[in-house]
C-alpha atoms as a PDB file:
ATOM      1  CA  MET A   1     -47.569 -36.788  -6.821  1.00  0.00           C
ATOM      2  CA  GLU A   2     -46.666 -38.889  -9.318  1.00  0.00           C
ATOM      3  CA  SER A   3     -44.239 -37.723 -11.253  1.00  0.00           C
ATOM      4  CA  SER A   4     -45.655 -39.496 -14.506  1.00  0.00           C
ATOM      5  CA  SER A   5     -48.420 -36.765 -13.950  1.00  0.00           C
ATOM      6  CA  VAL A   6     -45.928 -34.081 -14.868  1.00  0.00           C
ATOM      7  CA  CYS A   7     -43.147 -35.700 -16.633  1.00  0.00           C
ATOM      8  CA  GLN A   8     -43.244 -38.303 -19.273  1.00  0.00           C
ATOM      9  CA  GLY A   9     -39.791 -38.834 -20.626  1.00  0.00           C
ATOM     10  CA  THR A  10     -38.342 -35.544 -22.460  1.00  0.00           C
ATOM     11  CA  ARG A  11     -42.398 -34.000 -22.167  1.00  0.00           C
ATOM     12  CA  ARG A  12     -43.383 -31.591 -19.343  1.00  0.00           C
ATOM     13  CA  ARG A  13     -47.106 -30.543 -18.670  1.00  0.00           C
ATOM     14  CA  TYR A  14     -47.363 -26.914 -19.194  1.00  0.00           C
ATOM     15  CA  TYR A  15     -50.904 -25.250 -18.862  1.00  0.00           C
ATOM     16  CA  ARG A  16     -50.035 -21.743 -19.776  1.00  0.00           C
ATOM     17  CA  PHE A  17     -47.565 -19.390 -22.416  1.00  0.00           C
ATOM     18  CA  ARG A  18     -47.569 -15.966 -21.834  1.00  0.00           C
ATOM     19  CA  ALA A  19     -45.539 -12.471 -21.921  1.00  0.00           C
ATOM     20  CA  ALA A  20     -44.643 -11.330 -17.988  1.00  0.00           C
ATOM     21  CA  ARG A  21     -43.604  -8.024 -16.585  1.00  0.00           C
ATOM     22  CA  PHE A  22     -40.834  -9.569 -14.490  1.00  0.00           C
ATOM     23  CA  TYR A  23     -37.440  -9.045 -15.408  1.00  0.00           C
ATOM     24  CA  GLY A  24     -38.761  -5.912 -17.461  1.00  0.00           C
ATOM     25  CA  GLY A  25     -40.896  -8.081 -19.929  1.00  0.00           C
ATOM     26  CA  ILE A  26     -39.800 -12.031 -20.269  1.00  0.00           C
ATOM     27  CA  ALA A  27     -41.486 -15.028 -22.510  1.00  0.00           C
ATOM     28  CA  THR A  28     -43.145 -17.557 -19.320  1.00  0.00           C
ATOM     29  CA  ALA A  29     -44.229 -21.234 -20.067  1.00  0.00           C
ATOM     30  CA  ASP A  30     -46.124 -22.068 -16.545  1.00  0.00           C
ATOM     31  CA  CYS A  31     -45.646 -25.694 -15.628  1.00  0.00           C
ATOM     32  CA  ALA A  32     -47.380 -27.406 -13.843  1.00  0.00           C
ATOM     33  CA  GLY A  33     -46.030 -29.556 -10.397  1.00  0.00           C
ATOM     34  CA  CYS A  34     -43.964 -28.813  -7.680  1.00  0.00           C
ATOM     35  CA  ASN A  35     -41.742 -30.787  -5.119  1.00  0.00           C
ATOM     36  CA  LEU A  36     -43.106 -28.469  -2.278  1.00  0.00           C
ATOM     37  CA  ARG A  37     -46.117 -27.024  -1.085  1.00  0.00           C
ATOM     38  CA  CYS A  38     -45.148 -23.186  -0.374  1.00  0.00           C
ATOM     39  CA  LEU A  39     -48.217 -21.733   1.561  1.00  0.00           C
ATOM     40  CA  PHE A  40     -47.539 -18.553  -1.035  1.00  0.00           C
ATOM     41  CA  CYS A  41     -47.740 -20.438  -4.391  1.00  0.00           C
ATOM     42  CA  TRP A  42     -50.222 -18.259  -6.335  1.00  0.00           C
ATOM     43  CA  SER A  43     -50.077 -20.987  -8.668  1.00  0.00           C
ATOM     44  CA  TRP A  44     -51.592 -23.796  -5.388  1.00  0.00           C
ATOM     45  CA  GLU A  45     -53.655 -25.768  -7.719  1.00  0.00           C
ATOM     46  CA  LYS A  46     -51.732 -26.321 -10.941  1.00  0.00           C
ATOM     47  CA  VAL A  47     -48.593 -27.853  -8.315  1.00  0.00           C
ATOM     48  CA  SER A  48     -51.331 -29.297  -6.082  1.00  0.00           C
ATOM     49  CA  HIS A  49     -53.214 -31.487  -8.659  1.00  0.00           C
ATOM     50  CA  PRO A  50     -51.351 -30.938 -11.916  1.00  0.00           C
ATOM     51  CA  SER A  51     -52.966 -33.882 -13.927  1.00  0.00           C
ATOM     52  CA  ARG A  52     -56.217 -31.534 -14.001  1.00  0.00           C
ATOM     53  CA  TRP A  53     -54.165 -28.555 -15.414  1.00  0.00           C
ATOM     54  CA  GLY A  54     -52.759 -28.511 -19.440  1.00  0.00           C
ATOM     55  CA  LYS A  55     -51.032 -30.839 -21.431  1.00  0.00           C
ATOM     56  CA  MET A  56     -47.914 -32.349 -22.279  1.00  0.00           C
ATOM     57  CA  TYR A  57     -45.328 -30.417 -24.511  1.00  0.00           C
ATOM     58  CA  THR A  58     -42.181 -31.779 -25.836  1.00  0.00           C
ATOM     59  CA  ALA A  59     -38.849 -29.682 -25.017  1.00  0.00           C
ATOM     60  CA  GLY A  60     -38.909 -28.481 -28.891  1.00  0.00           C
ATOM     61  CA  GLU A  61     -42.537 -27.137 -28.750  1.00  0.00           C
ATOM     62  CA  VAL A  62     -41.812 -25.206 -25.657  1.00  0.00           C
ATOM     63  CA  ALA A  63     -38.393 -23.608 -26.652  1.00  0.00           C
ATOM     64  CA  GLU A  64     -40.841 -22.291 -30.135  1.00  0.00           C
ATOM     65  CA  ARG A  65     -43.327 -20.942 -28.002  1.00  0.00           C
ATOM     66  CA  LEU A  66     -41.162 -19.285 -25.822  1.00  0.00           C
ATOM     67  CA  MET A  67     -38.975 -17.893 -28.619  1.00  0.00           C
ATOM     68  CA  GLU A  68     -42.132 -16.679 -30.505  1.00  0.00           C
ATOM     69  CA  ILE A  69     -43.910 -14.827 -27.447  1.00  0.00           C
ATOM     70  CA  ALA A  70     -40.013 -13.169 -27.077  1.00  0.00           C
ATOM     71  CA  ARG A  71     -40.141 -12.028 -30.861  1.00  0.00           C
ATOM     72  CA  ARG A  72     -43.675 -10.828 -30.496  1.00  0.00           C
ATOM     73  CA  ALA A  73     -43.004  -8.823 -27.184  1.00  0.00           C
ATOM     74  CA  GLY A  74     -39.547  -7.567 -28.338  1.00  0.00           C
ATOM     75  CA  THR A  75     -37.945  -9.390 -24.754  1.00  0.00           C
ATOM     76  CA  THR A  76     -34.972 -11.680 -24.990  1.00  0.00           C
ATOM     77  CA  ARG A  77     -35.662 -13.356 -21.601  1.00  0.00           C
ATOM     78  CA  LEU A  78     -37.302 -16.448 -21.222  1.00  0.00           C
ATOM     79  CA  ARG A  79     -38.090 -18.619 -18.287  1.00  0.00           C
ATOM     80  CA  VAL A  80     -40.280 -21.387 -17.348  1.00  0.00           C
ATOM     81  CA  SER A  81     -42.327 -20.710 -14.167  1.00  0.00           C
ATOM     82  CA  GLY A  82     -45.541 -21.822 -12.081  1.00  0.00           C
ATOM     83  CA  GLY A  83     -44.001 -25.227 -10.747  1.00  0.00           C
ATOM     84  CA  GLU A  84     -40.387 -26.467 -10.376  1.00  0.00           C
ATOM     85  CA  PRO A  85     -38.633 -27.259 -13.722  1.00  0.00           C
ATOM     86  CA  THR A  86     -35.984 -29.198 -12.179  1.00  0.00           C
ATOM     87  CA  MET A  87     -38.086 -31.955 -11.224  1.00  0.00           C
ATOM     88  CA  CYS A  88     -38.078 -33.661 -15.399  1.00  0.00           C
ATOM     89  CA  PRO A  89     -34.300 -32.440 -15.735  1.00  0.00           C
ATOM     90  CA  GLU A  90     -34.327 -34.531 -19.284  1.00  0.00           C
ATOM     91  CA  HIS A  91     -36.920 -31.950 -20.555  1.00  0.00           C
ATOM     92  CA  LEU A  92     -34.986 -28.576 -19.181  1.00  0.00           C
ATOM     93  CA  LEU A  93     -32.101 -29.995 -20.623  1.00  0.00           C
ATOM     94  CA  GLU A  94     -33.453 -30.628 -23.593  1.00  0.00           C
ATOM     95  CA  LEU A  95     -35.506 -27.171 -23.747  1.00  0.00           C
ATOM     96  CA  LEU A  96     -32.034 -25.487 -23.175  1.00  0.00           C
ATOM     97  CA  GLU A  97     -30.410 -26.947 -26.161  1.00  0.00           C
ATOM     98  CA  ASN A  98     -33.216 -26.412 -28.685  1.00  0.00           C
ATOM     99  CA  LEU A  99     -33.351 -22.287 -27.407  1.00  0.00           C
ATOM    100  CA  GLN A 100     -31.148 -19.780 -29.893  1.00  0.00           C
ATOM    101  CA  LYS A 101     -28.027 -18.535 -27.649  1.00  0.00           C
ATOM    102  CA  THR A 102     -29.905 -14.909 -28.837  1.00  0.00           C
ATOM    103  CA  TYR A 103     -32.138 -15.579 -25.647  1.00  0.00           C
ATOM    104  CA  LEU A 104     -31.215 -15.111 -21.677  1.00  0.00           C
ATOM    105  CA  PHE A 105     -33.096 -18.357 -19.900  1.00  0.00           C
ATOM    106  CA  ILE A 106     -33.958 -17.430 -16.399  1.00  0.00           C
ATOM    107  CA  LEU A 107     -34.604 -20.750 -14.391  1.00  0.00           C
ATOM    108  CA  GLU A 108     -36.236 -19.804 -11.447  1.00  0.00           C
ATOM    109  CA  THR A 109     -36.055 -23.018  -8.951  1.00  0.00           C
ATOM    110  CA  ASN A 110     -36.197 -23.466  -5.145  1.00  0.00           C
ATOM    111  CA  GLY A 111     -32.922 -25.759  -5.364  1.00  0.00           C
ATOM    112  CA  ILE A 112     -33.791 -29.068  -3.574  1.00  0.00           C
ATOM    113  CA  LEU A 113     -33.552 -31.111  -6.647  1.00  0.00           C
ATOM    114  CA  LEU A 114     -30.026 -29.349  -8.341  1.00  0.00           C
ATOM    115  CA  ASP A 115     -27.494 -31.562  -7.079  1.00  0.00           C
ATOM    116  CA  LYS A 116     -23.946 -31.801  -8.530  1.00  0.00           C
ATOM    117  CA  ASP A 117     -24.686 -33.962 -11.649  1.00  0.00           C
ATOM    118  CA  LEU A 118     -27.415 -30.876 -12.795  1.00  0.00           C
ATOM    119  CA  ALA A 119     -25.220 -28.027 -11.906  1.00  0.00           C
ATOM    120  CA  SER A 120     -22.813 -29.923 -14.069  1.00  0.00           C
ATOM    121  CA  SER A 121     -24.836 -30.174 -16.927  1.00  0.00           C
ATOM    122  CA  LEU A 122     -26.027 -26.514 -16.438  1.00  0.00           C
ATOM    123  CA  ALA A 123     -22.522 -25.230 -17.125  1.00  0.00           C
ATOM    124  CA  SER A 124     -22.327 -25.797 -20.550  1.00  0.00           C
ATOM    125  CA  PHE A 125     -25.270 -23.318 -21.442  1.00  0.00           C
ATOM    126  CA  PRO A 126     -23.667 -19.886 -21.348  1.00  0.00           C
ATOM    127  CA  ASN A 127     -27.223 -17.886 -22.278  1.00  0.00           C
ATOM    128  CA  LEU A 128     -28.191 -19.833 -18.519  1.00  0.00           C
ATOM    129  CA  HIS A 129     -28.601 -17.899 -14.917  1.00  0.00           C
ATOM    130  CA  VAL A 130     -30.455 -19.270 -12.400  1.00  0.00           C
ATOM    131  CA  ARG A 131     -32.635 -17.852  -9.359  1.00  0.00           C
ATOM    132  CA  VAL A 132     -32.706 -19.699  -6.370  1.00  0.00           C
ATOM    133  CA  SER A 133     -35.367 -18.778  -4.540  1.00  0.00           C
ATOM    134  CA  ILE A 134     -34.642 -20.097  -0.902  1.00  0.00           C
ATOM    135  CA  LYS A 135     -38.147 -20.733   1.444  1.00  0.00           C
ATOM    136  CA  GLY A 136     -37.634 -19.031   4.766  1.00  0.00           C
ATOM    137  CA  CYS A 137     -34.167 -18.290   6.778  1.00  0.00           C
ATOM    138  CA  LYS A 138     -34.080 -21.303   8.761  1.00  0.00           C
ATOM    139  CA  PRO A 139     -35.170 -24.967   8.863  1.00  0.00           C
ATOM    140  CA  GLU A 140     -38.358 -24.786  11.135  1.00  0.00           C
ATOM    141  CA  THR A 141     -39.586 -21.834   9.113  1.00  0.00           C
ATOM    142  CA  PHE A 142     -38.707 -23.715   5.876  1.00  0.00           C
ATOM    143  CA  SER A 143     -40.808 -26.651   7.101  1.00  0.00           C
ATOM    144  CA  ARG A 144     -44.117 -24.898   7.820  1.00  0.00           C
ATOM    145  CA  LEU A 145     -44.230 -22.670   5.152  1.00  0.00           C
ATOM    146  CA  THR A 146     -43.653 -25.539   2.451  1.00  0.00           C
ATOM    147  CA  GLY A 147     -44.859 -28.706   4.025  1.00  0.00           C
ATOM    148  CA  ALA A 148     -41.771 -30.334   3.528  1.00  0.00           C
ATOM    149  CA  SER A 149     -39.063 -31.838   6.378  1.00  0.00           C
ATOM    150  CA  PRO A 150     -36.776 -29.478   7.704  1.00  0.00           C
ATOM    151  CA  ARG A 151     -33.874 -31.695   6.653  1.00  0.00           C
ATOM    152  CA  LEU A 152     -34.260 -30.382   2.847  1.00  0.00           C
ATOM    153  CA  PHE A 153     -33.421 -27.135   4.067  1.00  0.00           C
ATOM    154  CA  SER A 154     -29.787 -27.593   3.427  1.00  0.00           C
ATOM    155  CA  ARG A 155     -30.651 -28.691   0.273  1.00  0.00           C
ATOM    156  CA  GLN A 156     -31.499 -25.214  -0.959  1.00  0.00           C
ATOM    157  CA  ILE A 157     -27.404 -23.645   0.157  1.00  0.00           C
ATOM    158  CA  ARG A 158     -26.114 -26.870  -1.375  1.00  0.00           C
ATOM    159  CA  ALA A 159     -27.295 -25.906  -4.376  1.00  0.00           C
ATOM    160  CA  VAL A 160     -26.160 -22.741  -4.303  1.00  0.00           C
ATOM    161  CA  GLU A 161     -22.946 -23.998  -3.703  1.00  0.00           C
ATOM    162  CA  ASN A 162     -23.054 -26.675  -6.421  1.00  0.00           C
ATOM    163  CA  LEU A 163     -24.228 -23.901  -9.070  1.00  0.00           C
ATOM    164  CA  ALA A 164     -20.658 -22.039  -8.069  1.00  0.00           C
ATOM    165  CA  ASP A 165     -18.104 -24.795  -8.357  1.00  0.00           C
ATOM    166  CA  ALA A 166     -19.994 -25.253 -11.706  1.00  0.00           C
ATOM    167  CA  ASP A 167     -19.341 -21.789 -12.360  1.00  0.00           C
ATOM    168  CA  VAL A 168     -22.979 -21.550 -13.330  1.00  0.00           C
ATOM    169  CA  SER A 169     -24.664 -17.426 -13.347  1.00  0.00           C
ATOM    170  CA  HIS A 170     -27.087 -17.216 -10.519  1.00  0.00           C
ATOM    171  CA  HIS A 171     -28.402 -15.336  -7.941  1.00  0.00           C
ATOM    172  CA  VAL A 172     -29.978 -16.179  -4.565  1.00  0.00           C
ATOM    173  CA  SER A 173     -33.385 -14.832  -3.370  1.00  0.00           C
ATOM    174  CA  ILE A 174     -34.660 -15.322   0.029  1.00  0.00           C
ATOM    175  CA  VAL A 175     -38.219 -15.550   1.709  1.00  0.00           C
ATOM    176  CA  HIS A 176     -37.198 -13.891   4.899  1.00  0.00           C
ATOM    177  CA  GLN A 177     -40.930 -12.122   5.745  1.00  0.00           C
ATOM    178  CA  PHE A 178     -41.756 -14.607   8.821  1.00  0.00           C
ATOM    179  CA  ASP A 179     -38.280 -14.789  10.210  1.00  0.00           C
ATOM    180  CA  GLN A 180     -36.100 -12.863  12.641  1.00  0.00           C
ATOM    181  CA  ARG A 181     -33.813 -10.360  11.346  1.00  0.00           C
ATOM    182  CA  GLU A 182     -31.241 -12.106  13.092  1.00  0.00           C
ATOM    183  CA  ASP A 183     -32.136 -15.388  11.473  1.00  0.00           C
ATOM    184  CA  LEU A 184     -31.887 -13.886   8.099  1.00  0.00           C
ATOM    185  CA  GLN A 185     -28.726 -12.749   8.693  1.00  0.00           C
ATOM    186  CA  SER A 186     -27.413 -15.600   9.811  1.00  0.00           C
ATOM    187  CA  LEU A 187     -28.777 -16.739   6.358  1.00  0.00           C
ATOM    188  CA  VAL A 188     -26.765 -14.316   4.455  1.00  0.00           C
ATOM    189  CA  GLU A 189     -23.574 -15.217   6.921  1.00  0.00           C
ATOM    190  CA  GLU A 190     -23.442 -18.582   5.448  1.00  0.00           C
ATOM    191  CA  LEU A 191     -24.489 -18.382   1.961  1.00  0.00           C
ATOM    192  CA  ALA A 192     -21.504 -15.197   2.213  1.00  0.00           C
ATOM    193  CA  SER A 193     -19.222 -18.056   3.050  1.00  0.00           C
ATOM    194  CA  ILE A 194     -19.960 -19.591  -0.110  1.00  0.00           C
ATOM    195  CA  ASP A 195     -18.853 -16.808  -2.077  1.00  0.00           C
ATOM    196  CA  PRO A 196     -18.794 -13.025  -1.039  1.00  0.00           C
ATOM    197  CA  ALA A 197     -20.613 -12.615  -4.590  1.00  0.00           C
ATOM    198  CA  GLU A 198     -23.251 -14.527  -2.920  1.00  0.00           C
ATOM    199  CA  ALA A 199     -24.379 -11.830  -0.205  1.00  0.00           C
ATOM    200  CA  ALA A 200     -24.138  -8.950  -2.413  1.00  0.00           C
ATOM    201  CA  ASN A 201     -26.113 -10.345  -5.088  1.00  0.00           C
ATOM    202  CA  LEU A 202     -29.151 -11.082  -2.823  1.00  0.00           C
ATOM    203  CA  GLU A 203     -32.424 -10.454  -3.795  1.00  0.00           C
ATOM    204  CA  LEU A 204     -34.743 -10.398  -0.816  1.00  0.00           C
ATOM    205  CA  GLU A 205     -38.221 -11.574  -2.220  1.00  0.00           C
ATOM    206  CA  GLN A 206     -41.493  -9.924  -1.905  1.00  0.00           C
ATOM    207  CA  ILE A 207     -44.606 -12.112  -1.629  1.00  0.00           C
ATOM    208  CA  GLU A 208     -47.591 -11.308  -4.128  1.00  0.00           C
ATOM    209  CA  PRO A 209     -50.300 -10.864  -1.324  1.00  0.00           C
ATOM    210  CA  TYR A 210     -53.246 -12.158  -3.517  1.00  0.00           C
ATOM    211  CA  PRO A 211     -56.360 -12.867  -1.389  1.00  0.00           C
ATOM    212  CA  ALA A 212     -55.806 -17.197  -1.554  1.00  0.00           C
ATOM    213  CA  VAL A 213     -52.275 -16.595  -1.077  1.00  0.00           C
ATOM    214  CA  VAL A 214     -53.102 -14.455   2.699  1.00  0.00           C
ATOM    215  CA  ASP A 215     -55.799 -16.833   3.714  1.00  0.00           C
ATOM    216  CA  ARG A 216     -53.668 -19.735   3.142  1.00  0.00           C
ATOM    217  CA  LEU A 217     -50.829 -17.753   5.147  1.00  0.00           C
ATOM    218  CA  ARG A 218     -53.377 -16.642   7.532  1.00  0.00           C
ATOM    219  CA  ARG A 219     -54.742 -20.416   8.036  1.00  0.00           C
ATOM    220  CA  SER A 220     -51.394 -21.343   9.399  1.00  0.00           C
ATOM    221  CA  GLY A 221     -50.560 -18.745  11.515  1.00  0.00           C
ATOM    222  CA  PHE A 222     -48.691 -16.300   9.606  1.00  0.00           C
ATOM    223  CA  HIS A 223     -49.203 -12.959   8.280  1.00  0.00           C
ATOM    224  CA  LEU A 224     -47.724 -10.423   5.657  1.00  0.00           C
END
């Protein structure tokens, strides 16, 4: 994917703004484009062909839309979903700067691009919580599920370490359905070695069984 189809300076491509039921109600901006190709992704077309969807928005425009949706929906939670927000870090940081501190922004990320520098920058926003979604419990499953190199699996773990080191509010979610129980336990133990709180606050991610998702998984030898 060409990054220019997703990011242009501090602008980012979005295709939808909405109120959603997750987290007890949350204002959501759906972005196009991701650095992974997860078979269970509900936003597959927008991830695979981002230039066909939506248009570019400034961080200020996105912030205003999110806060307006939140006001109408009676929530103080905001997020970017649909794609990978950290693909456009300048836009993400400017978006956070434009949000009123009365709102909680939940950053949903696969963690692949969340290095020490970005974690350090995120630490300056007290109204931020990061949800790191780890795809699979081991490198081989990660690669089969995402189409990415197995070596990138460890970057998800490193993202958790970076957030912990920078004292950024966060928790870990694991796509665990396609591994054995012992693989999950091994990953949980690795996370606990970073900080026992990582395991204590763990979320076991549930995949929505949309027909297209079930079909992609089945054709790749996976079953929900």
